[in-house]
Amino acid sequence: MCGIGHAIARKNLEKGRLEGKQEGRLEGRQEERESNIVAMLKEKIPMETISRITHYSLDQIQKLGKLHGLL
């Protein structure tokens, strides 16, 4: 591979790493938010309050609650 080919490969590799990191951060935030929702459900906080705080719909909160055996 010539010098230009190596430079392009490095650039693509770095771009892929950055995209992977960004995707990982987004998934981590979603997992944290859902963990917080489950914790609030365990504390018997009303779903309307949880929805207002987290910006999750009541349906999404109910699904999480059922998935974790809380509803």
PDB file of N, CA and C in Angstrom:
ATOM      1  N   MET A   1       0.861  -1.178   0.000  1.00  0.00           N
ATOM      2  CA  MET A   1       0.000   0.000   0.000  1.00  0.00           C
ATOM      3  C   MET A   1       0.903   1.235   0.000  1.00  0.00           C
ATOM      4  N   CYS A   2       0.521   2.231  -0.743  1.00  0.00           N
ATOM      5  CA  CYS A   2       1.330   3.444  -0.826  1.00  0.00           C
ATOM      6  C   CYS A   2       1.033   4.370   0.349  1.00  0.00           C
ATOM      7  N   GLY A   3       1.779   5.442   0.476  1.00  0.00           N
ATOM      8  CA  GLY A   3       1.609   6.379   1.583  1.00  0.00           C
ATOM      9  C   GLY A   3       0.207   6.956   1.661  1.00  0.00           C
ATOM     10  N   ILE A   4      -0.364   7.247   0.502  1.00  0.00           N
ATOM     11  CA  ILE A   4      -1.719   7.817   0.478  1.00  0.00           C
ATOM     12  C   ILE A   4      -2.723   6.787   0.997  1.00  0.00           C
ATOM     13  N   GLY A   5      -2.524   5.537   0.607  1.00  0.00           N
ATOM     14  CA  GLY A   5      -3.417   4.476   1.065  1.00  0.00           C
ATOM     15  C   GLY A   5      -3.373   4.318   2.574  1.00  0.00           C
ATOM     16  N   HIS A   6      -2.181   4.398   3.148  1.00  0.00           N
ATOM     17  CA  HIS A   6      -2.040   4.308   4.605  1.00  0.00           C
ATOM     18  C   HIS A   6      -2.725   5.484   5.291  1.00  0.00           C
ATOM     19  N   ALA A   7      -2.572   6.652   4.725  1.00  0.00           N
ATOM     20  CA  ALA A   7      -3.191   7.841   5.322  1.00  0.00           C
ATOM     21  C   ALA A   7      -4.710   7.719   5.307  1.00  0.00           C
ATOM     22  N   ILE A   8      -5.251   7.232   4.214  1.00  0.00           N
ATOM     23  CA  ILE A   8      -6.706   7.060   4.109  1.00  0.00           C
ATOM     24  C   ILE A   8      -7.175   6.002   5.107  1.00  0.00           C
ATOM     25  N   ALA A   9      -6.427   4.904   5.200  1.00  0.00           N
ATOM     26  CA  ALA A   9      -6.798   3.837   6.137  1.00  0.00           C
ATOM     27  C   ALA A   9      -6.772   4.344   7.572  1.00  0.00           C
ATOM     28  N   ARG A  10      -5.751   5.123   7.925  1.00  0.00           N
ATOM     29  CA  ARG A  10      -5.669   5.683   9.285  1.00  0.00           C
ATOM     30  C   ARG A  10      -6.843   6.624   9.558  1.00  0.00           C
ATOM     31  N   LYS A  11      -7.161   7.439   8.557  1.00  0.00           N
ATOM     32  CA  LYS A  11      -8.264   8.385   8.719  1.00  0.00           C
ATOM     33  C   LYS A  11      -9.587   7.633   8.927  1.00  0.00           C
ATOM     34  N   ASN A  12      -9.810   6.589   8.146  1.00  0.00           N
ATOM     35  CA  ASN A  12     -11.039   5.798   8.289  1.00  0.00           C
ATOM     36  C   ASN A  12     -11.092   5.079   9.619  1.00  0.00           C
ATOM     37  N   LEU A  13      -9.945   4.572  10.071  1.00  0.00           N
ATOM     38  CA  LEU A  13      -9.883   3.897  11.365  1.00  0.00           C
ATOM     39  C   LEU A  13     -10.227   4.864  12.495  1.00  0.00           C
ATOM     40  N   GLU A  14      -9.654   6.047  12.448  1.00  0.00           N
ATOM     41  CA  GLU A  14      -9.924   7.055  13.483  1.00  0.00           C
ATOM     42  C   GLU A  14     -11.391   7.471  13.459  1.00  0.00           C
ATOM     43  N   LYS A  15     -11.949   7.637  12.261  1.00  0.00           N
ATOM     44  CA  LYS A  15     -13.360   8.001  12.136  1.00  0.00           C
ATOM     45  C   LYS A  15     -14.235   6.908  12.754  1.00  0.00           C
ATOM     46  N   GLY A  16     -13.900   5.643  12.486  1.00  0.00           N
ATOM     47  CA  GLY A  16     -14.657   4.529  13.049  1.00  0.00           C
ATOM     48  C   GLY A  16     -14.567   4.487  14.561  1.00  0.00           C
ATOM     49  N   ARG A  17     -13.392   4.755  15.095  1.00  0.00           N
ATOM     50  CA  ARG A  17     -13.226   4.782  16.549  1.00  0.00           C
ATOM     51  C   ARG A  17     -14.067   5.879  17.173  1.00  0.00           C
ATOM     52  N   LEU A  18     -14.040   7.061  16.576  1.00  0.00           N
ATOM     53  CA  LEU A  18     -14.826   8.176  17.117  1.00  0.00           C
ATOM     54  C   LEU A  18     -16.312   7.868  17.083  1.00  0.00           C
ATOM     55  N   GLU A  19     -16.784   7.285  15.968  1.00  0.00           N
ATOM     56  CA  GLU A  19     -18.197   6.934  15.856  1.00  0.00           C
ATOM     57  C   GLU A  19     -18.566   5.872  16.895  1.00  0.00           C
ATOM     58  N   GLY A  20     -17.663   4.905  17.105  1.00  0.00           N
ATOM     59  CA  GLY A  20     -17.910   3.865  18.100  1.00  0.00           C
ATOM     60  C   GLY A  20     -17.983   4.430  19.509  1.00  0.00           C
ATOM     61  N   LYS A  21     -17.102   5.358  19.819  1.00  0.00           N
ATOM     62  CA  LYS A  21     -17.128   5.981  21.146  1.00  0.00           C
ATOM     63  C   LYS A  21     -18.426   6.751  21.348  1.00  0.00           C
ATOM     64  N   GLN A  22     -18.836   7.493  20.328  1.00  0.00           N
ATOM     65  CA  GLN A  22     -20.071   8.273  20.432  1.00  0.00           C
ATOM     66  C   GLN A  22     -21.264   7.343  20.637  1.00  0.00           C
ATOM     67  N   GLU A  23     -21.320   6.258  19.878  1.00  0.00           N
ATOM     68  CA  GLU A  23     -22.420   5.310  20.016  1.00  0.00           C
ATOM     69  C   GLU A  23     -22.422   4.685  21.407  1.00  0.00           C
ATOM     70  N   GLY A  24     -21.243   4.366  21.918  1.00  0.00           N
ATOM     71  CA  GLY A  24     -21.139   3.800  23.260  1.00  0.00           C
ATOM     72  C   GLY A  24     -21.612   4.760  24.328  1.00  0.00           C
ATOM     73  N   ARG A  25     -21.275   6.032  24.171  1.00  0.00           N
ATOM     74  CA  ARG A  25     -21.730   7.031  25.154  1.00  0.00           C
ATOM     75  C   ARG A  25     -23.251   7.151  25.133  1.00  0.00           C
ATOM     76  N   LEU A  26     -23.836   7.145  23.936  1.00  0.00           N
ATOM     77  CA  LEU A  26     -25.291   7.249  23.838  1.00  0.00           C
ATOM     78  C   LEU A  26     -25.972   6.052  24.482  1.00  0.00           C
ATOM     79  N   GLU A  27     -25.435   4.849  24.230  1.00  0.00           N
ATOM     80  CA  GLU A  27     -26.008   3.653  24.838  1.00  0.00           C
ATOM     81  C   GLU A  27     -25.862   3.697  26.351  1.00  0.00           C
ATOM     82  N   GLY A  28     -24.729   4.180  26.828  1.00  0.00           N
ATOM     83  CA  GLY A  28     -24.506   4.292  28.271  1.00  0.00           C
ATOM     84  C   GLY A  28     -25.482   5.256  28.923  1.00  0.00           C
ATOM     85  N   ARG A  29     -25.742   6.363  28.260  1.00  0.00           N
ATOM     86  CA  ARG A  29     -26.704   7.332  28.802  1.00  0.00           C
ATOM     87  C   ARG A  29     -28.098   6.723  28.882  1.00  0.00           C
ATOM     88  N   GLN A  30     -28.477   5.993  27.836  1.00  0.00           N
ATOM     89  CA  GLN A  30     -29.799   5.377  27.830  1.00  0.00           C
ATOM     90  C   GLN A  30     -29.901   4.338  28.941  1.00  0.00           C
ATOM     91  N   GLU A  31     -28.865   3.521  29.120  1.00  0.00           N
ATOM     92  CA  GLU A  31     -28.878   2.523  30.185  1.00  0.00           C
ATOM     93  C   GLU A  31     -28.976   3.189  31.558  1.00  0.00           C
ATOM     94  N   GLU A  32     -28.251   4.279  31.747  1.00  0.00           N
ATOM     95  CA  GLU A  32     -28.295   5.001  33.023  1.00  0.00           C
ATOM     96  C   GLU A  32     -29.684   5.575  33.271  1.00  0.00           C
ATOM     97  N   ARG A  33     -30.268   6.164  32.240  1.00  0.00           N
ATOM     98  CA  ARG A  33     -31.606   6.738  32.372  1.00  0.00           C
ATOM     99  C   ARG A  33     -32.616   5.654  32.735  1.00  0.00           C
ATOM    100  N   GLU A  34     -32.531   4.510  32.063  1.00  0.00           N
ATOM    101  CA  GLU A  34     -33.469   3.425  32.348  1.00  0.00           C
ATOM    102  C   GLU A  34     -33.240   2.848  33.742  1.00  0.00           C
ATOM    103  N   SER A  35     -32.001   2.787  34.169  1.00  0.00           N
ATOM    104  CA  SER A  35     -31.697   2.337  35.529  1.00  0.00           C
ATOM    105  C   SER A  35     -32.315   3.289  36.553  1.00  0.00           C
ATOM    106  N   ASN A  36     -32.244   4.570  36.280  1.00  0.00           N
ATOM    107  CA  ASN A  36     -32.848   5.566  37.172  1.00  0.00           C
ATOM    108  C   ASN A  36     -34.365   5.425  37.206  1.00  0.00           C
ATOM    109  N   ILE A  37     -34.953   5.149  36.058  1.00  0.00           N
ATOM    110  CA  ILE A  37     -36.403   4.968  36.005  1.00  0.00           C
ATOM    111  C   ILE A  37     -36.805   3.770  36.860  1.00  0.00           C
ATOM    112  N   VAL A  38     -36.088   2.668  36.732  1.00  0.00           N
ATOM    113  CA  VAL A  38     -36.385   1.476  37.528  1.00  0.00           C
ATOM    114  C   VAL A  38     -36.247   1.799  39.019  1.00  0.00           C
ATOM    115  N   ALA A  39     -35.214   2.531  39.370  1.00  0.00           N
ATOM    116  CA  ALA A  39     -35.020   2.905  40.777  1.00  0.00           C
ATOM    117  C   ALA A  39     -36.172   3.768  41.276  1.00  0.00           C
ATOM    118  N   MET A  40     -36.645   4.694  40.445  1.00  0.00           N
ATOM    119  CA  MET A  40     -37.772   5.548  40.849  1.00  0.00           C
ATOM    120  C   MET A  40     -39.041   4.723  41.006  1.00  0.00           C
ATOM    121  N   LEU A  41     -39.243   3.738  40.111  1.00  0.00           N
ATOM    122  CA  LEU A  41     -40.412   2.873  40.249  1.00  0.00           C
ATOM    123  C   LEU A  41     -40.341   2.079  41.550  1.00  0.00           C
ATOM    124  N   LYS A  42     -39.151   1.612  41.900  1.00  0.00           N
ATOM    125  CA  LYS A  42     -38.983   0.873  43.160  1.00  0.00           C
ATOM    126  C   LYS A  42     -39.299   1.744  44.362  1.00  0.00           C
ATOM    127  N   GLU A  43     -39.058   3.042  44.233  1.00  0.00           N
ATOM    128  CA  GLU A  43     -39.341   3.995  45.317  1.00  0.00           C
ATOM    129  C   GLU A  43     -40.790   4.469  45.294  1.00  0.00           C
ATOM    130  N   LYS A  44     -41.570   3.898  44.389  1.00  0.00           N
ATOM    131  CA  LYS A  44     -43.011   4.204  44.269  1.00  0.00           C
ATOM    132  C   LYS A  44     -43.275   5.647  43.836  1.00  0.00           C
ATOM    133  N   ILE A  45     -42.367   6.232  43.095  1.00  0.00           N
ATOM    134  CA  ILE A  45     -42.591   7.576  42.554  1.00  0.00           C
ATOM    135  C   ILE A  45     -43.615   7.448  41.429  1.00  0.00           C
ATOM    136  N   PRO A  46     -44.621   8.305  41.401  1.00  0.00           N
ATOM    137  CA  PRO A  46     -45.659   8.210  40.366  1.00  0.00           C
ATOM    138  C   PRO A  46     -45.069   8.270  38.953  1.00  0.00           C
ATOM    139  N   MET A  47     -45.637   7.443  38.082  1.00  0.00           N
ATOM    140  CA  MET A  47     -45.131   7.374  36.706  1.00  0.00           C
ATOM    141  C   MET A  47     -45.214   8.725  35.996  1.00  0.00           C
ATOM    142  N   GLU A  48     -46.220   9.524  36.313  1.00  0.00           N
ATOM    143  CA  GLU A  48     -46.337  10.836  35.685  1.00  0.00           C
ATOM    144  C   GLU A  48     -45.145  11.717  36.046  1.00  0.00           C
ATOM    145  N   THR A  49     -44.711  11.623  37.295  1.00  0.00           N
ATOM    146  CA  THR A  49     -43.545  12.387  37.751  1.00  0.00           C
ATOM    147  C   THR A  49     -42.285  11.886  37.055  1.00  0.00           C
ATOM    148  N   ILE A  50     -42.142  10.559  36.977  1.00  0.00           N
ATOM    149  CA  ILE A  50     -40.981   9.979  36.299  1.00  0.00           C
ATOM    150  C   ILE A  50     -40.945  10.427  34.838  1.00  0.00           C
ATOM    151  N   SER A  51     -42.088  10.411  34.197  1.00  0.00           N
ATOM    152  CA  SER A  51     -42.180  10.825  32.796  1.00  0.00           C
ATOM    153  C   SER A  51     -41.764  12.279  32.631  1.00  0.00           C
ATOM    154  N   ARG A  52     -42.223  13.119  33.523  1.00  0.00           N
ATOM    155  CA  ARG A  52     -41.898  14.543  33.450  1.00  0.00           C
ATOM    156  C   ARG A  52     -40.395  14.771  33.632  1.00  0.00           C
ATOM    157  N   ILE A  53     -39.788  14.021  34.533  1.00  0.00           N
ATOM    158  CA  ILE A  53     -38.362  14.184  34.826  1.00  0.00           C
ATOM    159  C   ILE A  53     -37.491  13.605  33.715  1.00  0.00           C
ATOM    160  N   THR A  54     -37.854  12.414  33.225  1.00  0.00           N
ATOM    161  CA  THR A  54     -36.988  11.691  32.284  1.00  0.00           C
ATOM    162  C   THR A  54     -37.316  11.916  30.820  1.00  0.00           C
ATOM    163  N   HIS A  55     -38.485  12.459  30.556  1.00  0.00           N
ATOM    164  CA  HIS A  55     -38.973  12.655  29.187  1.00  0.00           C
ATOM    165  C   HIS A  55     -39.247  11.327  28.478  1.00  0.00           C
ATOM    166  N   TYR A  56     -39.464  10.267  29.256  1.00  0.00           N
ATOM    167  CA  TYR A  56     -39.920   8.992  28.712  1.00  0.00           C
ATOM    168  C   TYR A  56     -41.446   9.013  28.752  1.00  0.00           C
ATOM    169  N   SER A  57     -42.074   8.352  27.793  1.00  0.00           N
ATOM    170  CA  SER A  57     -43.534   8.287  27.783  1.00  0.00           C
ATOM    171  C   SER A  57     -44.001   7.330  28.878  1.00  0.00           C
ATOM    172  N   LEU A  58     -45.263   7.467  29.258  1.00  0.00           N
ATOM    173  CA  LEU A  58     -45.830   6.569  30.263  1.00  0.00           C
ATOM    174  C   LEU A  58     -45.763   5.124  29.776  1.00  0.00           C
ATOM    175  N   ASP A  59     -45.965   4.922  28.478  1.00  0.00           N
ATOM    176  CA  ASP A  59     -45.890   3.579  27.907  1.00  0.00           C
ATOM    177  C   ASP A  59     -44.483   2.995  28.051  1.00  0.00           C
ATOM    178  N   GLN A  60     -43.464   3.798  27.786  1.00  0.00           N
ATOM    179  CA  GLN A  60     -42.082   3.326  27.929  1.00  0.00           C
ATOM    180  C   GLN A  60     -41.778   2.968  29.382  1.00  0.00           C
ATOM    181  N   ILE A  61     -42.266   3.787  30.294  1.00  0.00           N
ATOM    182  CA  ILE A  61     -42.033   3.543  31.722  1.00  0.00           C
ATOM    183  C   ILE A  61     -42.746   2.261  32.158  1.00  0.00           C
ATOM    184  N   GLN A  62     -43.972   2.071  31.679  1.00  0.00           N
ATOM    185  CA  GLN A  62     -44.710   0.852  32.016  1.00  0.00           C
ATOM    186  C   GLN A  62     -43.980  -0.380  31.501  1.00  0.00           C
ATOM    187  N   LYS A  63     -43.455  -0.303  30.286  1.00  0.00           N
ATOM    188  CA  LYS A  63     -42.727  -1.443  29.723  1.00  0.00           C
ATOM    189  C   LYS A  63     -41.499  -1.775  30.570  1.00  0.00           C
ATOM    190  N   LEU A  64     -40.767  -0.749  30.996  1.00  0.00           N
ATOM    191  CA  LEU A  64     -39.596  -0.983  31.850  1.00  0.00           C
ATOM    192  C   LEU A  64     -40.019  -1.591  33.185  1.00  0.00           C
ATOM    193  N   GLY A  65     -41.103  -1.066  33.746  1.00  0.00           N
ATOM    194  CA  GLY A  65     -41.595  -1.583  35.012  1.00  0.00           C
ATOM    195  C   GLY A  65     -41.992  -3.043  34.918  1.00  0.00           C
ATOM    196  N   LYS A  66     -42.686  -3.393  33.837  1.00  0.00           N
ATOM    197  CA  LYS A  66     -43.082  -4.788  33.637  1.00  0.00           C
ATOM    198  C   LYS A  66     -41.872  -5.679  33.382  1.00  0.00           C
ATOM    199  N   LEU A  67     -40.919  -5.182  32.623  1.00  0.00           N
ATOM    200  CA  LEU A  67     -39.718  -5.953  32.318  1.00  0.00           C
ATOM    201  C   LEU A  67     -38.962  -6.312  33.595  1.00  0.00           C
ATOM    202  N   HIS A  68     -39.014  -5.435  34.571  1.00  0.00           N
ATOM    203  CA  HIS A  68     -38.283  -5.635  35.828  1.00  0.00           C
ATOM    204  C   HIS A  68     -39.196  -6.160  36.953  1.00  0.00           C
ATOM    205  N   GLY A  69     -40.407  -6.550  36.600  1.00  0.00           N
ATOM    206  CA  GLY A  69     -41.318  -7.136  37.574  1.00  0.00           C
ATOM    207  C   GLY A  69     -41.822  -6.171  38.611  1.00  0.00           C
ATOM    208  N   LEU A  70     -41.901  -4.898  38.253  1.00  0.00           N
ATOM    209  CA  LEU A  70     -42.356  -3.884  39.215  1.00  0.00           C
ATOM    210  C   LEU A  70     -43.798  -3.474  38.999  1.00  0.00           C
ATOM    211  N   LEU A  71     -44.360  -3.796  37.857  1.00  0.00           N
ATOM    212  CA  LEU A  71     -45.756  -3.442  37.571  1.00  0.00           C
ATOM    213  C   LEU A  71     -46.542  -4.668  37.141  1.00  0.00           C
TER     214      LEU A  71
END
